[in-house]
Amino acid sequence: GDIEVEEEDRMRDLAWLSLARVYYTAANKVDD
């Protein structure tokens, strides 16, 4: 809460969405 951000809720949601996508991609491994 120490920083002012435009559209704070939107940025939070985008961070969570981006994290989910990174984790999902990293979770799926195909043996070469």
Full PDB file with SEQRES, HELIX, SHEET, SSBOND, CRYST1, ORIGX, SCALE, CONECT and MASTER records, all heavy atoms in Angstrom:
SEQRES   1 A   32  GLY ASP ILE GLU VAL GLU GLU GLU ASP ARG MET ARG ASP          
SEQRES   2 A   32  LEU ALA TRP LEU SER LEU ALA ARG VAL TYR TYR THR ALA          
SEQRES   3 A   32  ALA ASN LYS VAL ASP ASP                                      
HELIX    1 AA1 GLU A    8  ALA A   27  1                                  20    
CRYST1    1.000    1.000    1.000  90.00  90.00  90.00 P 1           1          
ORIGX1      1.000000  0.000000  0.000000        0.00000                         
ORIGX2      0.000000  1.000000  0.000000        0.00000                         
ORIGX3      0.000000  0.000000  1.000000        0.00000                         
SCALE1      1.000000  0.000000  0.000000        0.00000                         
SCALE2      0.000000  1.000000  0.000000        0.00000                         
SCALE3      0.000000  0.000000  1.000000        0.00000                         
ATOM      1  N   GLY A   1       0.791  -1.217   0.000  1.00  0.00           N  
ATOM      2  CA  GLY A   1       0.000   0.000   0.000  1.00  0.00           C  
ATOM      3  C   GLY A   1       0.826   1.269   0.000  1.00  0.00           C  
ATOM      4  O   GLY A   1       0.285   2.367   0.129  1.00  0.00           O  
ATOM      5  N   ASP A   2       2.134   1.144  -0.129  1.00  0.00           N  
ATOM      6  CA  ASP A   2       3.028   2.302  -0.098  1.00  0.00           C  
ATOM      7  C   ASP A   2       3.179   2.978  -1.450  1.00  0.00           C  
ATOM      8  O   ASP A   2       3.892   3.976  -1.557  1.00  0.00           O  
ATOM      9  CB  ASP A   2       4.422   1.883   0.390  1.00  0.00           C  
ATOM     10  CG  ASP A   2       4.398   1.395   1.824  1.00  0.00           C  
ATOM     11  OD1 ASP A   2       3.457   1.770   2.553  1.00  0.00           O  
ATOM     12  OD2 ASP A   2       5.298   0.636   2.206  1.00  0.00           O  
ATOM     13  N   ILE A   3       2.537   2.423  -2.462  1.00  0.00           N  
ATOM     14  CA  ILE A   3       2.755   2.927  -3.815  1.00  0.00           C  
ATOM     15  C   ILE A   3       1.411   3.225  -4.464  1.00  0.00           C  
ATOM     16  O   ILE A   3       0.440   2.486  -4.277  1.00  0.00           O  
ATOM     17  CB  ILE A   3       3.555   1.878  -4.634  1.00  0.00           C  
ATOM     18  CG1 ILE A   3       4.038   2.447  -5.930  1.00  0.00           C  
ATOM     19  CG2 ILE A   3       2.766   0.630  -4.848  1.00  0.00           C  
ATOM     20  CD1 ILE A   3       5.083   1.582  -6.607  1.00  0.00           C  
ATOM     21  N   GLU A   4       1.352   4.339  -5.181  1.00  0.00           N  
ATOM     22  CA  GLU A   4       0.130   4.686  -5.893  1.00  0.00           C  
ATOM     23  C   GLU A   4       0.209   4.136  -7.308  1.00  0.00           C  
ATOM     24  O   GLU A   4       1.205   4.329  -8.003  1.00  0.00           O  
ATOM     25  CB  GLU A   4      -0.051   6.194  -5.949  1.00  0.00           C  
ATOM     26  CG  GLU A   4      -0.530   6.790  -4.646  1.00  0.00           C  
ATOM     27  CD  GLU A   4      -0.908   8.242  -4.799  1.00  0.00           C  
ATOM     28  OE1 GLU A   4      -1.500   8.607  -5.836  1.00  0.00           O  
ATOM     29  OE2 GLU A   4      -0.611   9.008  -3.875  1.00  0.00           O  
ATOM     30  N   VAL A   5      -0.849   3.451  -7.695  1.00  0.00           N  
ATOM     31  CA  VAL A   5      -0.886   2.815  -9.010  1.00  0.00           C  
ATOM     32  C   VAL A   5      -2.240   3.100  -9.647  1.00  0.00           C  
ATOM     33  O   VAL A   5      -3.268   3.009  -8.984  1.00  0.00           O  
ATOM     34  CB  VAL A   5      -0.693   1.281  -8.879  1.00  0.00           C  
ATOM     35  CG1 VAL A   5      -0.772   0.601 -10.217  1.00  0.00           C  
ATOM     36  CG2 VAL A   5       0.600   0.959  -8.182  1.00  0.00           C  
ATOM     37  N   GLU A   6      -2.217   3.442 -10.921  1.00  0.00           N  
ATOM     38  CA  GLU A   6      -3.476   3.562 -11.639  1.00  0.00           C  
ATOM     39  C   GLU A   6      -4.044   2.158 -11.823  1.00  0.00           C  
ATOM     40  O   GLU A   6      -3.314   1.222 -12.120  1.00  0.00           O  
ATOM     41  CB  GLU A   6      -3.247   4.197 -13.006  1.00  0.00           C  
ATOM     42  CG  GLU A   6      -2.912   5.666 -12.946  1.00  0.00           C  
ATOM     43  CD  GLU A   6      -2.787   6.270 -14.336  1.00  0.00           C  
ATOM     44  OE1 GLU A   6      -3.452   5.776 -15.269  1.00  0.00           O  
ATOM     45  OE2 GLU A   6      -2.015   7.229 -14.466  1.00  0.00           O  
ATOM     46  N   GLU A   7      -5.332   2.024 -11.634  1.00  0.00           N  
ATOM     47  CA  GLU A   7      -6.036   0.748 -11.816  1.00  0.00           C  
ATOM     48  C   GLU A   7      -5.384  -0.377 -11.006  1.00  0.00           C  
ATOM     49  O   GLU A   7      -5.014  -1.419 -11.537  1.00  0.00           O  
ATOM     50  CB  GLU A   7      -6.087   0.366 -13.296  1.00  0.00           C  
ATOM     51  CG  GLU A   7      -6.790   1.391 -14.170  1.00  0.00           C  
ATOM     52  CD  GLU A   7      -6.863   0.959 -15.602  1.00  0.00           C  
ATOM     53  OE1 GLU A   7      -5.826   1.011 -16.293  1.00  0.00           O  
ATOM     54  OE2 GLU A   7      -7.962   0.541 -16.024  1.00  0.00           O  
ATOM     55  N   GLU A   8      -5.295  -0.160  -9.722  1.00  0.00           N  
ATOM     56  CA  GLU A   8      -4.635  -1.118  -8.833  1.00  0.00           C  
ATOM     57  C   GLU A   8      -5.252  -2.511  -8.922  1.00  0.00           C  
ATOM     58  O   GLU A   8      -4.528  -3.509  -9.015  1.00  0.00           O  
ATOM     59  CB  GLU A   8      -4.694  -0.608  -7.396  1.00  0.00           C  
ATOM     60  CG  GLU A   8      -3.999  -1.503  -6.404  1.00  0.00           C  
ATOM     61  CD  GLU A   8      -3.992  -0.933  -5.005  1.00  0.00           C  
ATOM     62  OE1 GLU A   8      -3.941   0.299  -4.854  1.00  0.00           O  
ATOM     63  OE2 GLU A   8      -4.043  -1.744  -4.062  1.00  0.00           O  
ATOM     64  N   ASP A   9      -6.577  -2.591  -8.884  1.00  0.00           N  
ATOM     65  CA  ASP A   9      -7.237  -3.908  -8.956  1.00  0.00           C  
ATOM     66  C   ASP A   9      -6.924  -4.617 -10.264  1.00  0.00           C  
ATOM     67  O   ASP A   9      -6.691  -5.829 -10.288  1.00  0.00           O  
ATOM     68  CB  ASP A   9      -8.754  -3.765  -8.794  1.00  0.00           C  
ATOM     69  CG  ASP A   9      -9.144  -3.339  -7.388  1.00  0.00           C  
ATOM     70  OD1 ASP A   9      -8.344  -3.536  -6.452  1.00  0.00           O  
ATOM     71  OD2 ASP A   9     -10.253  -2.788  -7.230  1.00  0.00           O  
ATOM     72  N   ARG A  10      -6.923  -3.860 -11.343  1.00  0.00           N  
ATOM     73  CA  ARG A  10      -6.620  -4.446 -12.665  1.00  0.00           C  
ATOM     74  C   ARG A  10      -5.192  -4.977 -12.711  1.00  0.00           C  
ATOM     75  O   ARG A  10      -4.952  -6.077 -13.207  1.00  0.00           O  
ATOM     76  CB  ARG A  10      -6.839  -3.408 -13.753  1.00  0.00           C  
ATOM     77  CG  ARG A  10      -6.666  -3.953 -15.143  1.00  0.00           C  
ATOM     78  CD  ARG A  10      -7.137  -2.917 -16.174  1.00  0.00           C  
ATOM     79  NE  ARG A  10      -7.142  -3.504 -17.477  1.00  0.00           N  
ATOM     80  CZ  ARG A  10      -6.174  -3.308 -18.381  1.00  0.00           C  
ATOM     81  NH1 ARG A  10      -5.155  -2.516 -18.098  1.00  0.00           N  
ATOM     82  NH2 ARG A  10      -6.237  -3.878 -19.554  1.00  0.00           N  
ATOM     83  N   MET A  11      -4.257  -4.217 -12.174  1.00  0.00           N  
ATOM     84  CA  MET A  11      -2.855  -4.658 -12.167  1.00  0.00           C  
ATOM     85  C   MET A  11      -2.688  -5.894 -11.300  1.00  0.00           C  
ATOM     86  O   MET A  11      -1.941  -6.808 -11.646  1.00  0.00           O  
ATOM     87  CB  MET A  11      -1.936  -3.530 -11.703  1.00  0.00           C  
ATOM     88  CG  MET A  11      -1.855  -2.369 -12.674  1.00  0.00           C  
ATOM     89  SD  MET A  11      -1.373  -2.845 -14.348  1.00  0.00           S  
ATOM     90  CE  MET A  11       0.359  -3.188 -14.109  1.00  0.00           C  
ATOM     91  N   ARG A  12      -3.395  -5.951 -10.185  1.00  0.00           N  
ATOM     92  CA  ARG A  12      -3.338  -7.129  -9.309  1.00  0.00           C  
ATOM     93  C   ARG A  12      -3.866  -8.355 -10.058  1.00  0.00           C  
ATOM     94  O   ARG A  12      -3.245  -9.417 -10.043  1.00  0.00           O  
ATOM     95  CB  ARG A  12      -4.144  -6.884  -8.040  1.00  0.00           C  
ATOM     96  CG  ARG A  12      -4.096  -8.060  -7.065  1.00  0.00           C  
ATOM     97  CD  ARG A  12      -4.886  -7.789  -5.787  1.00  0.00           C  
ATOM     98  NE  ARG A  12      -4.206  -6.772  -4.986  1.00  0.00           N  
ATOM     99  CZ  ARG A  12      -4.626  -5.521  -4.823  1.00  0.00           C  
ATOM    100  NH1 ARG A  12      -5.752  -5.118  -5.405  1.00  0.00           N  
ATOM    101  NH2 ARG A  12      -3.956  -4.661  -4.097  1.00  0.00           N  
ATOM    102  N   ASP A  13      -5.006  -8.190 -10.727  1.00  0.00           N  
ATOM    103  CA  ASP A  13      -5.585  -9.307 -11.480  1.00  0.00           C  
ATOM    104  C   ASP A  13      -4.659  -9.763 -12.606  1.00  0.00           C  
ATOM    105  O   ASP A  13      -4.504 -10.965 -12.848  1.00  0.00           O  
ATOM    106  CB  ASP A  13      -6.948  -8.930 -12.049  1.00  0.00           C  
ATOM    107  CG  ASP A  13      -8.014  -8.796 -10.972  1.00  0.00           C  
ATOM    108  OD1 ASP A  13      -7.807  -9.289  -9.850  1.00  0.00           O  
ATOM    109  OD2 ASP A  13      -9.064  -8.183 -11.266  1.00  0.00           O  
ATOM    110  N   LEU A  14      -4.047  -8.804 -13.299  1.00  0.00           N  
ATOM    111  CA  LEU A  14      -3.117  -9.160 -14.376  1.00  0.00           C  
ATOM    112  C   LEU A  14      -1.896  -9.901 -13.833  1.00  0.00           C  
ATOM    113  O   LEU A  14      -1.391 -10.832 -14.475  1.00  0.00           O  
ATOM    114  CB  LEU A  14      -2.685  -7.914 -15.141  1.00  0.00           C  
ATOM    115  CG  LEU A  14      -3.713  -7.342 -16.100  1.00  0.00           C  
ATOM    116  CD1 LEU A  14      -3.255  -5.983 -16.635  1.00  0.00           C  
ATOM    117  CD2 LEU A  14      -3.970  -8.303 -17.248  1.00  0.00           C  
ATOM    118  N   ALA A  15      -1.426  -9.502 -12.655  1.00  0.00           N  
ATOM    119  CA  ALA A  15      -0.287 -10.201 -12.051  1.00  0.00           C  
ATOM    120  C   ALA A  15      -0.673 -11.638 -11.702  1.00  0.00           C  
ATOM    121  O   ALA A  15       0.081 -12.573 -11.984  1.00  0.00           O  
ATOM    122  CB  ALA A  15       0.200  -9.451 -10.812  1.00  0.00           C  
ATOM    123  N   TRP A  16      -1.860 -11.813 -11.090  1.00  0.00           N  
ATOM    124  CA  TRP A  16      -2.302 -13.177 -10.764  1.00  0.00           C  
ATOM    125  C   TRP A  16      -2.519 -14.017 -12.024  1.00  0.00           C  
ATOM    126  O   TRP A  16      -2.131 -15.184 -12.078  1.00  0.00           O  
ATOM    127  CB  TRP A  16      -3.579 -13.151  -9.924  1.00  0.00           C  
ATOM    128  CG  TRP A  16      -3.357 -12.849  -8.490  1.00  0.00           C  
ATOM    129  CD1 TRP A  16      -3.860 -11.801  -7.777  1.00  0.00           C  
ATOM    130  CD2 TRP A  16      -2.567 -13.606  -7.557  1.00  0.00           C  
ATOM    131  NE1 TRP A  16      -3.426 -11.856  -6.482  1.00  0.00           N  
ATOM    132  CE2 TRP A  16      -2.636 -12.957  -6.315  1.00  0.00           C  
ATOM    133  CE3 TRP A  16      -1.806 -14.766  -7.661  1.00  0.00           C  
ATOM    134  CZ2 TRP A  16      -1.979 -13.425  -5.182  1.00  0.00           C  
ATOM    135  CZ3 TRP A  16      -1.138 -15.240  -6.532  1.00  0.00           C  
ATOM    136  CH2 TRP A  16      -1.229 -14.577  -5.315  1.00  0.00           C  
ATOM    137  N   LEU A  17      -3.131 -13.423 -13.028  1.00  0.00           N  
ATOM    138  CA  LEU A  17      -3.371 -14.135 -14.284  1.00  0.00           C  
ATOM    139  C   LEU A  17      -2.053 -14.530 -14.940  1.00  0.00           C  
ATOM    140  O   LEU A  17      -1.894 -15.669 -15.406  1.00  0.00           O  
ATOM    141  CB  LEU A  17      -4.200 -13.255 -15.221  1.00  0.00           C  
ATOM    142  CG  LEU A  17      -4.832 -13.889 -16.441  1.00  0.00           C  
ATOM    143  CD1 LEU A  17      -5.799 -14.991 -16.044  1.00  0.00           C  
ATOM    144  CD2 LEU A  17      -5.559 -12.834 -17.250  1.00  0.00           C  
ATOM    145  N   SER A  18      -1.103 -13.631 -14.939  1.00  0.00           N  
ATOM    146  CA  SER A  18       0.213 -13.919 -15.522  1.00  0.00           C  
ATOM    147  C   SER A  18       0.942 -15.004 -14.742  1.00  0.00           C  
ATOM    148  O   SER A  18       1.551 -15.903 -15.335  1.00  0.00           O  
ATOM    149  CB  SER A  18       1.064 -12.643 -15.568  1.00  0.00           C  
ATOM    150  OG  SER A  18       0.436 -11.671 -16.368  1.00  0.00           O  
ATOM    151  N   LEU A  19       0.870 -14.933 -13.414  1.00  0.00           N  
ATOM    152  CA  LEU A  19       1.488 -15.983 -12.590  1.00  0.00           C  
ATOM    153  C   LEU A  19       0.867 -17.342 -12.890  1.00  0.00           C  
ATOM    154  O   LEU A  19       1.583 -18.348 -13.029  1.00  0.00           O  
ATOM    155  CB  LEU A  19       1.308 -15.668 -11.107  1.00  0.00           C  
ATOM    156  CG  LEU A  19       2.381 -14.852 -10.436  1.00  0.00           C  
ATOM    157  CD1 LEU A  19       1.979 -14.513  -9.007  1.00  0.00           C  
ATOM    158  CD2 LEU A  19       3.707 -15.577 -10.452  1.00  0.00           C  
ATOM    159  N   ALA A  20      -0.455 -17.378 -12.973  1.00  0.00           N  
ATOM    160  CA  ALA A  20      -1.138 -18.642 -13.254  1.00  0.00           C  
ATOM    161  C   ALA A  20      -0.669 -19.223 -14.580  1.00  0.00           C  
ATOM    162  O   ALA A  20      -0.404 -20.432 -14.684  1.00  0.00           O  
ATOM    163  CB  ALA A  20      -2.654 -18.424 -13.279  1.00  0.00           C  
ATOM    164  N   ARG A  21      -0.536 -18.385 -15.575  1.00  0.00           N  
ATOM    165  CA  ARG A  21      -0.111 -18.864 -16.897  1.00  0.00           C  
ATOM    166  C   ARG A  21       1.323 -19.382 -16.879  1.00  0.00           C  
ATOM    167  O   ARG A  21       1.630 -20.382 -17.528  1.00  0.00           O  
ATOM    168  CB  ARG A  21      -0.275 -17.745 -17.919  1.00  0.00           C  
ATOM    169  CG  ARG A  21      -1.729 -17.437 -18.202  1.00  0.00           C  
ATOM    170  CD  ARG A  21      -1.907 -16.193 -19.027  1.00  0.00           C  
ATOM    171  NE  ARG A  21      -3.314 -15.984 -19.349  1.00  0.00           N  
ATOM    172  CZ  ARG A  21      -3.790 -14.891 -19.891  1.00  0.00           C  
ATOM    173  NH1 ARG A  21      -2.973 -13.889 -20.204  1.00  0.00           N  
ATOM    174  NH2 ARG A  21      -5.078 -14.776 -20.147  1.00  0.00           N  
ATOM    175  N   VAL A  22       2.180 -18.704 -16.147  1.00  0.00           N  
ATOM    176  CA  VAL A  22       3.575 -19.165 -16.050  1.00  0.00           C  
ATOM    177  C   VAL A  22       3.628 -20.510 -15.329  1.00  0.00           C  
ATOM    178  O   VAL A  22       4.294 -21.443 -15.782  1.00  0.00           O  
ATOM    179  CB  VAL A  22       4.466 -18.126 -15.338  1.00  0.00           C  
ATOM    180  CG1 VAL A  22       5.854 -18.694 -15.060  1.00  0.00           C  
ATOM    181  CG2 VAL A  22       4.583 -16.859 -16.157  1.00  0.00           C  
ATOM    182  N   TYR A  23       2.913 -20.614 -14.201  1.00  0.00           N  
ATOM    183  CA  TYR A  23       2.898 -21.869 -13.461  1.00  0.00           C  
ATOM    184  C   TYR A  23       2.318 -23.011 -14.298  1.00  0.00           C  
ATOM    185  O   TYR A  23       2.838 -24.128 -14.299  1.00  0.00           O  
ATOM    186  CB  TYR A  23       2.094 -21.737 -12.166  1.00  0.00           C  
ATOM    187  CG  TYR A  23       2.786 -20.962 -11.078  1.00  0.00           C  
ATOM    188  CD1 TYR A  23       2.097 -20.025 -10.323  1.00  0.00           C  
ATOM    189  CD2 TYR A  23       4.126 -21.177 -10.776  1.00  0.00           C  
ATOM    190  CE1 TYR A  23       2.719 -19.319  -9.310  1.00  0.00           C  
ATOM    191  CE2 TYR A  23       4.750 -20.470  -9.765  1.00  0.00           C  
ATOM    192  CZ  TYR A  23       4.041 -19.550  -9.039  1.00  0.00           C  
ATOM    193  OH  TYR A  23       4.658 -18.855  -8.034  1.00  0.00           O  
ATOM    194  N   TYR A  24       1.226 -22.736 -15.001  1.00  0.00           N  
ATOM    195  CA  TYR A  24       0.591 -23.760 -15.834  1.00  0.00           C  
ATOM    196  C   TYR A  24       1.560 -24.248 -16.908  1.00  0.00           C  
ATOM    197  O   TYR A  24       1.699 -25.445 -17.137  1.00  0.00           O  
ATOM    198  CB  TYR A  24      -0.683 -23.201 -16.476  1.00  0.00           C  
ATOM    199  CG  TYR A  24      -1.367 -24.178 -17.400  1.00  0.00           C  
ATOM    200  CD1 TYR A  24      -2.225 -25.144 -16.893  1.00  0.00           C  
ATOM    201  CD2 TYR A  24      -1.154 -24.142 -18.771  1.00  0.00           C  
ATOM    202  CE1 TYR A  24      -2.852 -26.051 -17.744  1.00  0.00           C  
ATOM    203  CE2 TYR A  24      -1.775 -25.036 -19.621  1.00  0.00           C  
ATOM    204  CZ  TYR A  24      -2.622 -25.983 -19.098  1.00  0.00           C  
ATOM    205  OH  TYR A  24      -3.231 -26.884 -19.936  1.00  0.00           O  
ATOM    206  N   THR A  25       2.227 -23.318 -17.557  1.00  0.00           N  
ATOM    207  CA  THR A  25       3.176 -23.686 -18.614  1.00  0.00           C  
ATOM    208  C   THR A  25       4.335 -24.481 -18.046  1.00  0.00           C  
ATOM    209  O   THR A  25       4.751 -25.492 -18.620  1.00  0.00           O  
ATOM    210  CB  THR A  25       3.694 -22.421 -19.327  1.00  0.00           C  
ATOM    211  OG1 THR A  25       2.572 -21.721 -19.871  1.00  0.00           O  
ATOM    212  CG2 THR A  25       4.651 -22.766 -20.444  1.00  0.00           C  
ATOM    213  N   ALA A  26       4.842 -24.045 -16.898  1.00  0.00           N  
ATOM    214  CA  ALA A  26       5.964 -24.751 -16.271  1.00  0.00           C  
ATOM    215  C   ALA A  26       5.549 -26.138 -15.776  1.00  0.00           C  
ATOM    216  O   ALA A  26       6.379 -27.048 -15.714  1.00  0.00           O  
ATOM    217  CB  ALA A  26       6.532 -23.923 -15.120  1.00  0.00           C  
ATOM    218  N   ALA A  27       4.286 -26.307 -15.436  1.00  0.00           N  
ATOM    219  CA  ALA A  27       3.803 -27.594 -14.930  1.00  0.00           C  
ATOM    220  C   ALA A  27       3.734 -28.649 -16.016  1.00  0.00           C  
ATOM    221  O   ALA A  27       3.770 -29.845 -15.734  1.00  0.00           O  
ATOM    222  CB  ALA A  27       2.426 -27.420 -14.286  1.00  0.00           C  
ATOM    223  N   ASN A  28       3.633 -28.229 -17.272  1.00  0.00           N  
ATOM    224  CA  ASN A  28       3.495 -29.158 -18.391  1.00  0.00           C  
ATOM    225  C   ASN A  28       4.832 -29.364 -19.075  1.00  0.00           C  
ATOM    226  O   ASN A  28       5.319 -28.480 -19.766  1.00  0.00           O  
ATOM    227  CB  ASN A  28       2.495 -28.609 -19.410  1.00  0.00           C  
ATOM    228  CG  ASN A  28       1.096 -28.658 -18.893  1.00  0.00           C  
ATOM    229  OD1 ASN A  28       0.528 -29.726 -18.783  1.00  0.00           O  
ATOM    230  ND2 ASN A  28       0.536 -27.514 -18.562  1.00  0.00           N  
ATOM    231  N   LYS A  29       5.388 -30.514 -18.878  1.00  0.00           N  
ATOM    232  CA  LYS A  29       6.656 -30.847 -19.521  1.00  0.00           C  
ATOM    233  C   LYS A  29       6.444 -32.045 -20.437  1.00  0.00           C  
ATOM    234  O   LYS A  29       5.772 -33.003 -20.082  1.00  0.00           O  
ATOM    235  CB  LYS A  29       7.719 -31.210 -18.481  1.00  0.00           C  
ATOM    236  CG  LYS A  29       8.031 -30.107 -17.493  1.00  0.00           C  
ATOM    237  CD  LYS A  29       8.871 -29.060 -18.126  1.00  0.00           C  
ATOM    238  CE  LYS A  29       9.265 -28.038 -17.081  1.00  0.00           C  
ATOM    239  NZ  LYS A  29       9.676 -26.807 -17.603  1.00  0.00           N  
ATOM    240  N   VAL A  30       7.038 -31.965 -21.607  1.00  0.00           N  
ATOM    241  CA  VAL A  30       6.990 -33.084 -22.543  1.00  0.00           C  
ATOM    242  C   VAL A  30       8.409 -33.597 -22.687  1.00  0.00           C  
ATOM    243  O   VAL A  30       9.334 -32.846 -23.005  1.00  0.00           O  
ATOM    244  CB  VAL A  30       6.414 -32.658 -23.913  1.00  0.00           C  
ATOM    245  CG1 VAL A  30       6.454 -33.810 -24.895  1.00  0.00           C  
ATOM    246  CG2 VAL A  30       5.001 -32.138 -23.751  1.00  0.00           C  
ATOM    247  N   ASP A  31       8.574 -34.888 -22.437  1.00  0.00           N  
ATOM    248  CA  ASP A  31       9.885 -35.513 -22.570  1.00  0.00           C  
ATOM    249  C   ASP A  31      10.291 -35.513 -24.041  1.00  0.00           C  
ATOM    250  O   ASP A  31       9.559 -36.018 -24.891  1.00  0.00           O  
ATOM    251  CB  ASP A  31       9.835 -36.939 -22.025  1.00  0.00           C  
ATOM    252  CG  ASP A  31      11.199 -37.577 -21.925  1.00  0.00           C  
ATOM    253  OD1 ASP A  31      11.915 -37.633 -22.950  1.00  0.00           O  
ATOM    254  OD2 ASP A  31      11.556 -38.024 -20.823  1.00  0.00           O  
ATOM    255  N   ASP A  32      11.457 -34.942 -24.335  1.00  0.00           N  
ATOM    256  CA  ASP A  32      11.912 -34.822 -25.727  1.00  0.00           C  
ATOM    257  C   ASP A  32      12.161 -36.174 -26.382  1.00  0.00           C  
ATOM    258  O   ASP A  32      11.993 -36.316 -27.599  1.00  0.00           O  
ATOM    259  CB  ASP A  32      13.191 -33.977 -25.801  1.00  0.00           C  
ATOM    260  CG  ASP A  32      12.937 -32.527 -25.452  1.00  0.00           C  
ATOM    261  OD1 ASP A  32      11.783 -32.078 -25.610  1.00  0.00           O  
ATOM    262  OD2 ASP A  32      13.884 -31.841 -25.018  1.00  0.00           O  
TER     263      ASP A  32                                                      
MASTER        0    0    0    1    0    0    0    6  262    1    0    3          
END                                                                             
